[in-house]
PDB file of N, CA and C in Angstrom:
ATOM      1  N   MET A   1       4.271 -12.593   1.654  1.00  0.00           N
ATOM      2  CA  MET A   1       3.767 -11.924   0.486  1.00  0.00           C
ATOM      3  C   MET A   1       4.936 -11.301  -0.268  1.00  0.00           C
ATOM      4  N   LEU A   2       4.934 -11.445  -1.563  1.00  0.00           N
ATOM      5  CA  LEU A   2       5.984 -10.880  -2.388  1.00  0.00           C
ATOM      6  C   LEU A   2       5.778  -9.389  -2.571  1.00  0.00           C
ATOM      7  N   GLN A   3       6.874  -8.680  -2.678  1.00  0.00           N
ATOM      8  CA  GLN A   3       6.803  -7.265  -3.000  1.00  0.00           C
ATOM      9  C   GLN A   3       7.048  -7.151  -4.500  1.00  0.00           C
ATOM     10  N   TRP A   4       6.137  -6.568  -5.213  1.00  0.00           N
ATOM     11  CA  TRP A   4       6.237  -6.504  -6.666  1.00  0.00           C
ATOM     12  C   TRP A   4       7.057  -5.301  -7.078  1.00  0.00           C
ATOM     13  N   SER A   5       8.005  -5.531  -7.975  1.00  0.00           N
ATOM     14  CA  SER A   5       8.917  -4.474  -8.407  1.00  0.00           C
ATOM     15  C   SER A   5       8.341  -3.718  -9.604  1.00  0.00           C
ATOM     16  N   GLY A   6       9.071  -2.700 -10.009  1.00  0.00           N
ATOM     17  CA  GLY A   6       8.679  -1.943 -11.185  1.00  0.00           C
ATOM     18  C   GLY A   6       8.721  -2.791 -12.439  1.00  0.00           C
ATOM     19  N   GLU A   7       9.634  -3.759 -12.472  1.00  0.00           N
ATOM     20  CA  GLU A   7       9.722  -4.663 -13.621  1.00  0.00           C
ATOM     21  C   GLU A   7       8.454  -5.503 -13.746  1.00  0.00           C
ATOM     22  N   HIS A   8       7.929  -5.973 -12.603  1.00  0.00           N
ATOM     23  CA  HIS A   8       6.692  -6.758 -12.609  1.00  0.00           C
ATOM     24  C   HIS A   8       5.518  -5.917 -13.108  1.00  0.00           C
ATOM     25  N   SER A   9       5.410  -4.702 -12.587  1.00  0.00           N
ATOM     26  CA  SER A   9       4.274  -3.871 -12.973  1.00  0.00           C
ATOM     27  C   SER A   9       4.372  -3.453 -14.441  1.00  0.00           C
ATOM     28  N   ALA A  10       5.578  -3.147 -14.908  1.00  0.00           N
ATOM     29  CA  ALA A  10       5.748  -2.773 -16.318  1.00  0.00           C
ATOM     30  C   ALA A  10       5.385  -3.933 -17.233  1.00  0.00           C
ATOM     31  N   PHE A  11       5.804  -5.142 -16.863  1.00  0.00           N
ATOM     32  CA  PHE A  11       5.464  -6.299 -17.676  1.00  0.00           C
ATOM     33  C   PHE A  11       3.958  -6.529 -17.680  1.00  0.00           C
ATOM     34  N   ALA A  12       3.315  -6.380 -16.515  1.00  0.00           N
ATOM     35  CA  ALA A  12       1.869  -6.593 -16.428  1.00  0.00           C
ATOM     36  C   ALA A  12       1.108  -5.580 -17.274  1.00  0.00           C
ATOM     37  N   ILE A  13       1.528  -4.327 -17.256  1.00  0.00           N
ATOM     38  CA  ILE A  13       0.862  -3.295 -18.055  1.00  0.00           C
ATOM     39  C   ILE A  13       1.020  -3.591 -19.536  1.00  0.00           C
ATOM     40  N   GLU A  14       2.230  -3.958 -19.938  1.00  0.00           N
ATOM     41  CA  GLU A  14       2.471  -4.290 -21.338  1.00  0.00           C
ATOM     42  C   GLU A  14       1.662  -5.512 -21.760  1.00  0.00           C
ATOM     43  N   ALA A  15       1.620  -6.535 -20.914  1.00  0.00           N
ATOM     44  CA  ALA A  15       0.847  -7.742 -21.225  1.00  0.00           C
ATOM     45  C   ALA A  15      -0.644  -7.435 -21.286  1.00  0.00           C
ATOM     46  N   PHE A  16      -1.118  -6.521 -20.456  1.00  0.00           N
ATOM     47  CA  PHE A  16      -2.532  -6.145 -20.461  1.00  0.00           C
ATOM     48  C   PHE A  16      -2.916  -5.547 -21.809  1.00  0.00           C
ATOM     49  N   PHE A  17      -2.109  -4.613 -22.315  1.00  0.00           N
ATOM     50  CA  PHE A  17      -2.444  -3.978 -23.581  1.00  0.00           C
ATOM     51  C   PHE A  17      -2.262  -4.925 -24.767  1.00  0.00           C
ATOM     52  N   LYS A  18      -1.306  -5.832 -24.688  1.00  0.00           N
ATOM     53  CA  LYS A  18      -1.100  -6.798 -25.767  1.00  0.00           C
ATOM     54  C   LYS A  18      -2.194  -7.860 -25.810  1.00  0.00           C
ATOM     55  N   SER A  19      -2.844  -8.112 -24.682  1.00  0.00           N
ATOM     56  CA  SER A  19      -3.853  -9.169 -24.605  1.00  0.00           C
ATOM     57  C   SER A  19      -5.271  -8.623 -24.758  1.00  0.00           C
ATOM     58  N   ASN A  20      -5.417  -7.513 -25.452  1.00  0.00           N
ATOM     59  CA  ASN A  20      -6.732  -6.906 -25.695  1.00  0.00           C
ATOM     60  C   ASN A  20      -7.461  -6.566 -24.400  1.00  0.00           C
ATOM     61  N   ASP A  21      -6.752  -5.931 -23.495  1.00  0.00           N
ATOM     62  CA  ASP A  21      -7.318  -5.417 -22.239  1.00  0.00           C
ATOM     63  C   ASP A  21      -7.894  -6.513 -21.344  1.00  0.00           C
ATOM     64  N   SER A  22      -7.143  -7.575 -21.144  1.00  0.00           N
ATOM     65  CA  SER A  22      -7.568  -8.651 -20.249  1.00  0.00           C
ATOM     66  C   SER A  22      -6.623  -8.714 -19.049  1.00  0.00           C
ATOM     67  N   TYR A  23      -7.165  -8.463 -17.866  1.00  0.00           N
ATOM     68  CA  TYR A  23      -6.352  -8.497 -16.652  1.00  0.00           C
ATOM     69  C   TYR A  23      -5.923  -9.921 -16.327  1.00  0.00           C
ATOM     70  N   GLU A  24      -6.805 -10.867 -16.522  1.00  0.00           N
ATOM     71  CA  GLU A  24      -6.499 -12.256 -16.171  1.00  0.00           C
ATOM     72  C   GLU A  24      -5.408 -12.830 -17.064  1.00  0.00           C
ATOM     73  N   ILE A  25      -5.454 -12.529 -18.350  1.00  0.00           N
ATOM     74  CA  ILE A  25      -4.406 -13.008 -19.258  1.00  0.00           C
ATOM     75  C   ILE A  25      -3.076 -12.341 -18.902  1.00  0.00           C
ATOM     76  N   ALA A  26      -3.110 -11.067 -18.574  1.00  0.00           N
ATOM     77  CA  ALA A  26      -1.886 -10.370 -18.166  1.00  0.00           C
ATOM     78  C   ALA A  26      -1.315 -11.017 -16.909  1.00  0.00           C
ATOM     79  N   ARG A  27      -2.168 -11.398 -15.998  1.00  0.00           N
ATOM     80  CA  ARG A  27      -1.730 -12.057 -14.763  1.00  0.00           C
ATOM     81  C   ARG A  27      -1.071 -13.393 -15.072  1.00  0.00           C
ATOM     82  N   ARG A  28      -1.681 -14.182 -15.940  1.00  0.00           N
ATOM     83  CA  ARG A  28      -1.117 -15.488 -16.298  1.00  0.00           C
ATOM     84  C   ARG A  28       0.228 -15.333 -17.007  1.00  0.00           C
ATOM     85  N   GLN A  29       0.317 -14.365 -17.923  1.00  0.00           N
ATOM     86  CA  GLN A  29       1.568 -14.148 -18.636  1.00  0.00           C
ATOM     87  C   GLN A  29       2.678 -13.688 -17.691  1.00  0.00           C
ATOM     88  N   LEU A  30       2.328 -12.843 -16.728  1.00  0.00           N
ATOM     89  CA  LEU A  30       3.318 -12.388 -15.750  1.00  0.00           C
ATOM     90  C   LEU A  30       3.844 -13.570 -14.945  1.00  0.00           C
ATOM     91  N   CYS A  31       2.950 -14.430 -14.486  1.00  0.00           N
ATOM     92  CA  CYS A  31       3.372 -15.593 -13.699  1.00  0.00           C
ATOM     93  C   CYS A  31       4.255 -16.513 -14.530  1.00  0.00           C
ATOM     94  N   SER A  32       3.896 -16.703 -15.779  1.00  0.00           N
ATOM     95  CA  SER A  32       4.679 -17.560 -16.662  1.00  0.00           C
ATOM     96  C   SER A  32       6.053 -16.956 -16.927  1.00  0.00           C
ATOM     97  N   HIS A  33       6.103 -15.667 -17.197  1.00  0.00           N
ATOM     98  CA  HIS A  33       7.353 -14.991 -17.533  1.00  0.00           C
ATOM     99  C   HIS A  33       8.327 -14.987 -16.356  1.00  0.00           C
ATOM    100  N   PHE A  34       7.840 -14.734 -15.163  1.00  0.00           N
ATOM    101  CA  PHE A  34       8.714 -14.624 -13.994  1.00  0.00           C
ATOM    102  C   PHE A  34       8.861 -15.937 -13.235  1.00  0.00           C
ATOM    103  N   GLY A  35       8.309 -17.019 -13.762  1.00  0.00           N
ATOM    104  CA  GLY A  35       8.492 -18.335 -13.146  1.00  0.00           C
ATOM    105  C   GLY A  35       7.759 -18.503 -11.831  1.00  0.00           C
ATOM    106  N   ILE A  36       6.623 -17.862 -11.699  1.00  0.00           N
ATOM    107  CA  ILE A  36       5.809 -18.024 -10.497  1.00  0.00           C
ATOM    108  C   ILE A  36       4.972 -19.279 -10.700  1.00  0.00           C
ATOM    109  N   ARG A  37       5.245 -20.286  -9.904  1.00  0.00           N
ATOM    110  CA  ARG A  37       4.706 -21.615 -10.157  1.00  0.00           C
ATOM    111  C   ARG A  37       3.197 -21.687 -10.015  1.00  0.00           C
ATOM    112  N   TRP A  38       2.668 -21.089  -8.974  1.00  0.00           N
ATOM    113  CA  TRP A  38       1.223 -21.117  -8.725  1.00  0.00           C
ATOM    114  C   TRP A  38       0.657 -19.729  -8.982  1.00  0.00           C
ATOM    115  N   ILE A  39      -0.407 -19.679  -9.752  1.00  0.00           N
ATOM    116  CA  ILE A  39      -0.994 -18.378 -10.104  1.00  0.00           C
ATOM    117  C   ILE A  39      -1.508 -17.646  -8.867  1.00  0.00           C
ATOM    118  N   SER A  40      -1.868 -18.402  -7.832  1.00  0.00           N
ATOM    119  CA  SER A  40      -2.352 -17.745  -6.606  1.00  0.00           C
ATOM    120  C   SER A  40      -1.230 -16.986  -5.896  1.00  0.00           C
ATOM    121  N   TYR A  41       0.037 -17.276  -6.222  1.00  0.00           N
ATOM    122  CA  TYR A  41       1.156 -16.542  -5.648  1.00  0.00           C
ATOM    123  C   TYR A  41       1.451 -15.266  -6.424  1.00  0.00           C
ATOM    124  N   GLY A  42       0.849 -15.107  -7.587  1.00  0.00           N
ATOM    125  CA  GLY A  42       1.058 -13.929  -8.412  1.00  0.00           C
ATOM    126  C   GLY A  42       0.264 -12.747  -7.904  1.00  0.00           C
ATOM    127  N   PRO A  43       0.445 -11.596  -8.542  1.00  0.00           N
ATOM    128  CA  PRO A  43      -0.320 -10.415  -8.118  1.00  0.00           C
ATOM    129  C   PRO A  43      -1.802 -10.590  -8.430  1.00  0.00           C
ATOM    130  N   ARG A  44      -2.638 -10.071  -7.586  1.00  0.00           N
ATOM    131  CA  ARG A  44      -4.083 -10.167  -7.785  1.00  0.00           C
ATOM    132  C   ARG A  44      -4.508  -9.280  -8.955  1.00  0.00           C
ATOM    133  N   VAL A  45      -5.656  -9.610  -9.518  1.00  0.00           N
ATOM    134  CA  VAL A  45      -6.192  -8.853 -10.647  1.00  0.00           C
ATOM    135  C   VAL A  45      -6.427  -7.402 -10.249  1.00  0.00           C
ATOM    136  N   ASN A  46      -6.883  -7.166  -9.031  1.00  0.00           N
ATOM    137  CA  ASN A  46      -7.130  -5.796  -8.570  1.00  0.00           C
ATOM    138  C   ASN A  46      -5.840  -4.975  -8.544  1.00  0.00           C
ATOM    139  N   LEU A  47      -4.723  -5.607  -8.197  1.00  0.00           N
ATOM    140  CA  LEU A  47      -3.449  -4.902  -8.183  1.00  0.00           C
ATOM    141  C   LEU A  47      -3.025  -4.547  -9.606  1.00  0.00           C
ATOM    142  N   ILE A  48      -3.175  -5.484 -10.524  1.00  0.00           N
ATOM    143  CA  ILE A  48      -2.839  -5.203 -11.919  1.00  0.00           C
ATOM    144  C   ILE A  48      -3.742  -4.099 -12.457  1.00  0.00           C
ATOM    145  N   ARG A  49      -5.009  -4.121 -12.087  1.00  0.00           N
ATOM    146  CA  ARG A  49      -5.947  -3.075 -12.515  1.00  0.00           C
ATOM    147  C   ARG A  49      -5.487  -1.707 -12.004  1.00  0.00           C
ATOM    148  N   SER A  50      -5.038  -1.646 -10.758  1.00  0.00           N
ATOM    149  CA  SER A  50      -4.585  -0.354 -10.222  1.00  0.00           C
ATOM    150  C   SER A  50      -3.313   0.109 -10.926  1.00  0.00           C
ATOM    151  N   TRP A  51      -2.414  -0.829 -11.281  1.00  0.00           N
ATOM    152  CA  TRP A  51      -1.223  -0.448 -12.037  1.00  0.00           C
ATOM    153  C   TRP A  51      -1.607   0.149 -13.382  1.00  0.00           C
ATOM    154  N   VAL A  52      -2.541  -0.521 -14.071  1.00  0.00           N
ATOM    155  CA  VAL A  52      -2.947  -0.067 -15.407  1.00  0.00           C
ATOM    156  C   VAL A  52      -3.648   1.284 -15.327  1.00  0.00           C
ATOM    157  N   GLN A  53      -4.506   1.484 -14.330  1.00  0.00           N
ATOM    158  CA  GLN A  53      -5.231   2.744 -14.204  1.00  0.00           C
ATOM    159  C   GLN A  53      -4.313   3.889 -13.794  1.00  0.00           C
ATOM    160  N   ARG A  54      -3.279   3.606 -13.009  1.00  0.00           N
ATOM    161  CA  ARG A  54      -2.362   4.636 -12.546  1.00  0.00           C
ATOM    162  C   ARG A  54      -1.372   5.037 -13.642  1.00  0.00           C
ATOM    163  N   PHE A  55      -1.099   4.140 -14.576  1.00  0.00           N
ATOM    164  CA  PHE A  55      -0.057   4.370 -15.570  1.00  0.00           C
ATOM    165  C   PHE A  55      -0.293   5.588 -16.460  1.00  0.00           C
ATOM    166  N   PRO A  56      -1.473   5.786 -17.074  1.00  0.00           N
ATOM    167  CA  PRO A  56      -1.638   6.953 -17.958  1.00  0.00           C
ATOM    168  C   PRO A  56      -1.487   8.291 -17.237  1.00  0.00           C
ATOM    169  N   ALA A  57      -1.896   8.360 -15.994  1.00  0.00           N
ATOM    170  CA  ALA A  57      -1.859   9.632 -15.275  1.00  0.00           C
ATOM    171  C   ALA A  57      -0.455  10.000 -14.806  1.00  0.00           C
ATOM    172  N   THR A  58       0.323   9.003 -14.398  1.00  0.00           N
ATOM    173  CA  THR A  58       1.618   9.295 -13.794  1.00  0.00           C
ATOM    174  C   THR A  58       2.805   8.795 -14.597  1.00  0.00           C
ATOM    175  N   ALA A  59       2.559   8.041 -15.668  1.00  0.00           N
ATOM    176  CA  ALA A  59       3.613   7.400 -16.466  1.00  0.00           C
ATOM    177  C   ALA A  59       4.436   6.445 -15.610  1.00  0.00           C
ATOM    178  N   SER A  60       3.829   5.984 -14.530  1.00  0.00           N
ATOM    179  CA  SER A  60       4.464   5.021 -13.639  1.00  0.00           C
ATOM    180  C   SER A  60       3.365   4.208 -12.978  1.00  0.00           C
ATOM    181  N   ALA A  61       3.693   2.997 -12.560  1.00  0.00           N
ATOM    182  CA  ALA A  61       2.718   2.172 -11.869  1.00  0.00           C
ATOM    183  C   ALA A  61       2.956   2.161 -10.366  1.00  0.00           C
ATOM    184  N   MET A  62       4.027   2.805  -9.937  1.00  0.00           N
ATOM    185  CA  MET A  62       4.368   2.787  -8.525  1.00  0.00           C
ATOM    186  C   MET A  62       3.606   3.875  -7.765  1.00  0.00           C
ATOM    187  N   ASN A  63       3.440   3.654  -6.469  1.00  0.00           N
ATOM    188  CA  ASN A  63       2.784   4.650  -5.633  1.00  0.00           C
ATOM    189  C   ASN A  63       3.683   5.875  -5.491  1.00  0.00           C
ATOM    190  N   ILE A  64       3.071   7.031  -5.553  1.00  0.00           N
ATOM    191  CA  ILE A  64       3.809   8.284  -5.407  1.00  0.00           C
ATOM    192  C   ILE A  64       3.406   8.890  -4.060  1.00  0.00           C
ATOM    193  N   PRO A  65       4.379   9.213  -3.216  1.00  0.00           N
ATOM    194  CA  PRO A  65       4.020   9.799  -1.925  1.00  0.00           C
ATOM    195  C   PRO A  65       3.330  11.142  -2.101  1.00  0.00           C
ATOM    196  N   ARG A  66       2.398  11.422  -1.236  1.00  0.00           N
ATOM    197  CA  ARG A  66       1.660  12.690  -1.300  1.00  0.00           C
ATOM    198  C   ARG A  66       2.532  13.838  -0.824  1.00  0.00           C
ATOM    199  N   PRO A  67       2.418  14.997  -1.472  1.00  0.00           N
ATOM    200  CA  PRO A  67       3.230  16.139  -1.041  1.00  0.00           C
ATOM    201  C   PRO A  67       2.692  16.734   0.255  1.00  0.00           C
ATOM    202  N   GLY A  68       3.523  17.508   0.888  1.00  0.00           N
ATOM    203  CA  GLY A  68       3.104  18.200   2.091  1.00  0.00           C
ATOM    204  C   GLY A  68       3.794  17.652   3.315  1.00  0.00           C
ATOM    205  N   PRO A  69       3.566  18.295   4.437  1.00  0.00           N
ATOM    206  CA  PRO A  69       4.223  17.846   5.666  1.00  0.00           C
ATOM    207  C   PRO A  69       3.646  16.517   6.134  1.00  0.00           C
ATOM    208  N   SER A  70       4.467  15.774   6.843  1.00  0.00           N
ATOM    209  CA  SER A  70       3.990  14.496   7.374  1.00  0.00           C
ATOM    210  C   SER A  70       2.970  14.751   8.467  1.00  0.00           C
ATOM    211  N   ARG A  71       2.028  13.855   8.567  1.00  0.00           N
ATOM    212  CA  ARG A  71       0.961  14.010   9.557  1.00  0.00           C
ATOM    213  C   ARG A  71       1.349  13.251  10.819  1.00  0.00           C
ATOM    214  N   SER A  72       1.973  13.935  11.713  1.00  0.00           N
ATOM    215  CA  SER A  72       2.420  13.325  12.948  1.00  0.00           C
ATOM    216  C   SER A  72       1.753  14.019  14.123  1.00  0.00           C
ATOM    217  N   SER A  73       1.284  13.225  15.046  1.00  0.00           N
ATOM    218  CA  SER A  73       0.694  13.812  16.245  1.00  0.00           C
ATOM    219  C   SER A  73       1.678  13.708  17.405  1.00  0.00           C
ATOM    220  N   ARG A  74       2.918  13.444  17.088  1.00  0.00           N
ATOM    221  CA  ARG A  74       3.928  13.291  18.118  1.00  0.00           C
ATOM    222  C   ARG A  74       4.622  14.630  18.359  1.00  0.00           C
ATOM    223  N   THR A  75       3.897  15.508  18.995  1.00  0.00           N
ATOM    224  CA  THR A  75       4.439  16.820  19.335  1.00  0.00           C
ATOM    225  C   THR A  75       4.844  16.806  20.809  1.00  0.00           C
ATOM    226  N   PRO A  76       5.683  17.718  21.216  1.00  0.00           N
ATOM    227  CA  PRO A  76       6.074  17.764  22.637  1.00  0.00           C
ATOM    228  C   PRO A  76       4.867  17.917  23.570  1.00  0.00           C
ATOM    229  N   GLU A  77       3.855  18.674  23.131  1.00  0.00           N
ATOM    230  CA  GLU A  77       2.664  18.853  23.975  1.00  0.00           C
ATOM    231  C   GLU A  77       1.921  17.528  24.152  1.00  0.00           C
ATOM    232  N   ASN A  78       1.768  16.780  23.047  1.00  0.00           N
ATOM    233  CA  ASN A  78       1.064  15.498  23.144  1.00  0.00           C
ATOM    234  C   ASN A  78       1.849  14.480  23.963  1.00  0.00           C
ATOM    235  N   ILE A  79       3.156  14.486  23.834  1.00  0.00           N
ATOM    236  CA  ILE A  79       3.989  13.570  24.623  1.00  0.00           C
ATOM    237  C   ILE A  79       3.839  13.880  26.106  1.00  0.00           C
ATOM    238  N   GLU A  80       3.813  15.162  26.439  1.00  0.00           N
ATOM    239  CA  GLU A  80       3.647  15.556  27.837  1.00  0.00           C
ATOM    240  C   GLU A  80       2.270  15.141  28.369  1.00  0.00           C
ATOM    241  N   LEU A  81       1.226  15.293  27.549  1.00  0.00           N
ATOM    242  CA  LEU A  81      -0.114  14.867  27.967  1.00  0.00           C
ATOM    243  C   LEU A  81      -0.170  13.373  28.264  1.00  0.00           C
ATOM    244  N   VAL A  82       0.453  12.584  27.422  1.00  0.00           N
ATOM    245  CA  VAL A  82       0.442  11.134  27.633  1.00  0.00           C
ATOM    246  C   VAL A  82       1.240  10.761  28.868  1.00  0.00           C
ATOM    247  N   GLU A  83       2.394  11.379  29.052  1.00  0.00           N
ATOM    248  CA  GLU A  83       3.202  11.096  30.243  1.00  0.00           C
ATOM    249  C   GLU A  83       2.458  11.465  31.522  1.00  0.00           C
ATOM    250  N   ARG A  84       1.776  12.599  31.505  1.00  0.00           N
ATOM    251  CA  ARG A  84       1.011  13.022  32.678  1.00  0.00           C
ATOM    252  C   ARG A  84      -0.132  12.040  32.952  1.00  0.00           C
ATOM    253  N   SER A  85      -0.788  11.606  31.894  1.00  0.00           N
ATOM    254  CA  SER A  85      -1.883  10.654  32.045  1.00  0.00           C
ATOM    255  C   SER A  85      -1.378   9.327  32.615  1.00  0.00           C
ATOM    256  N   LEU A  86      -0.207   8.903  32.194  1.00  0.00           N
ATOM    257  CA  LEU A  86       0.368   7.658  32.716  1.00  0.00           C
ATOM    258  C   LEU A  86       0.748   7.796  34.185  1.00  0.00           C
ATOM    259  N   ARG A  87       1.254   8.959  34.564  1.00  0.00           N
ATOM    260  CA  ARG A  87       1.606   9.166  35.971  1.00  0.00           C
ATOM    261  C   ARG A  87       0.370   9.163  36.852  1.00  0.00           C
ATOM    262  N   GLU A  88      -0.746   9.696  36.354  1.00  0.00           N
ATOM    263  CA  GLU A  88      -1.962   9.773  37.147  1.00  0.00           C
ATOM    264  C   GLU A  88      -2.590   8.395  37.369  1.00  0.00           C
ATOM    265  N   ASN A  89      -2.699   7.593  36.307  1.00  0.00           N
ATOM    266  CA  ASN A  89      -3.341   6.291  36.433  1.00  0.00           C
ATOM    267  C   ASN A  89      -2.708   5.332  35.422  1.00  0.00           C
ATOM    268  N   VAL A  90      -1.892   4.422  35.914  1.00  0.00           N
ATOM    269  CA  VAL A  90      -1.177   3.492  35.051  1.00  0.00           C
ATOM    270  C   VAL A  90      -2.107   2.427  34.481  1.00  0.00           C
ATOM    271  N   ARG A  91      -3.145   2.061  35.208  1.00  0.00           N
ATOM    272  CA  ARG A  91      -4.006   0.945  34.824  1.00  0.00           C
ATOM    273  C   ARG A  91      -5.130   1.331  33.853  1.00  0.00           C
ATOM    274  N   LEU A  92      -5.244   2.572  33.484  1.00  0.00           N
ATOM    275  CA  LEU A  92      -6.299   3.031  32.594  1.00  0.00           C
ATOM    276  C   LEU A  92      -6.052   2.506  31.181  1.00  0.00           C
ATOM    277  N   SER A  93      -7.101   2.009  30.534  1.00  0.00           N
ATOM    278  CA  SER A  93      -6.944   1.453  29.194  1.00  0.00           C
ATOM    279  C   SER A  93      -6.645   2.559  28.184  1.00  0.00           C
ATOM    280  N   ILE A  94      -6.108   2.162  27.066  1.00  0.00           N
ATOM    281  CA  ILE A  94      -5.741   3.136  26.029  1.00  0.00           C
ATOM    282  C   ILE A  94      -6.985   3.846  25.507  1.00  0.00           C
ATOM    283  N   ARG A  95      -8.066   3.100  25.321  1.00  0.00           N
ATOM    284  CA  ARG A  95      -9.303   3.692  24.813  1.00  0.00           C
ATOM    285  C   ARG A  95      -9.836   4.764  25.770  1.00  0.00           C
ATOM    286  N   LYS A  96      -9.870   4.462  27.066  1.00  0.00           N
ATOM    287  CA  LYS A  96     -10.359   5.436  28.047  1.00  0.00           C
ATOM    288  C   LYS A  96      -9.393   6.599  28.198  1.00  0.00           C
ATOM    289  N   ARG A  97      -8.094   6.314  28.078  1.00  0.00           N
ATOM    290  CA  ARG A  97      -7.096   7.367  28.176  1.00  0.00           C
ATOM    291  C   ARG A  97      -7.246   8.346  27.009  1.00  0.00           C
ATOM    292  N   ALA A  98      -7.507   7.833  25.812  1.00  0.00           N
ATOM    293  CA  ALA A  98      -7.695   8.687  24.636  1.00  0.00           C
ATOM    294  C   ALA A  98      -8.969   9.511  24.754  1.00  0.00           C
ATOM    295  N   ALA A  99     -10.016   8.947  25.361  1.00  0.00           N
ATOM    296  CA  ALA A  99     -11.263   9.670  25.535  1.00  0.00           C
ATOM    297  C   ALA A  99     -11.108  10.803  26.553  1.00  0.00           C
ATOM    298  N   ASP A 100     -10.228  10.625  27.535  1.00  0.00           N
ATOM    299  CA  ASP A 100     -10.034  11.647  28.560  1.00  0.00           C
ATOM    300  C   ASP A 100      -9.173  12.813  28.087  1.00  0.00           C
ATOM    301  N   CYS A 101      -8.269  12.573  27.139  1.00  0.00           N
ATOM    302  CA  CYS A 101      -7.376  13.627  26.655  1.00  0.00           C
ATOM    303  C   CYS A 101      -8.141  14.565  25.734  1.00  0.00           C
ATOM    304  N   PRO A 102      -7.851  15.873  25.814  1.00  0.00           N
ATOM    305  CA  PRO A 102      -8.556  16.831  24.935  1.00  0.00           C
ATOM    306  C   PRO A 102      -8.078  16.749  23.506  1.00  0.00           C
TER     307      PRO A 102
END
């Protein structure tokens, strides 16, 4: 799967507005402009729609990371719980091990 750059999304947004708000025409123009031989290899209409909808709010089509601390459950206490659980019973499945931990 191709990773779409900011240049791709900017072109798609511009093509969308120039084509009287047509996602499919914007998709075809993007594929033609960037030399994507098969339209099925181009970005999906839903992706172009999300770029267009995100653009007015953020002035960008790229994903913006959410603020705040990262959500990690990898704390020393949790690591110790998992290690203890492994020492007690190595053959216990992950699902049952997760159900047993508080």
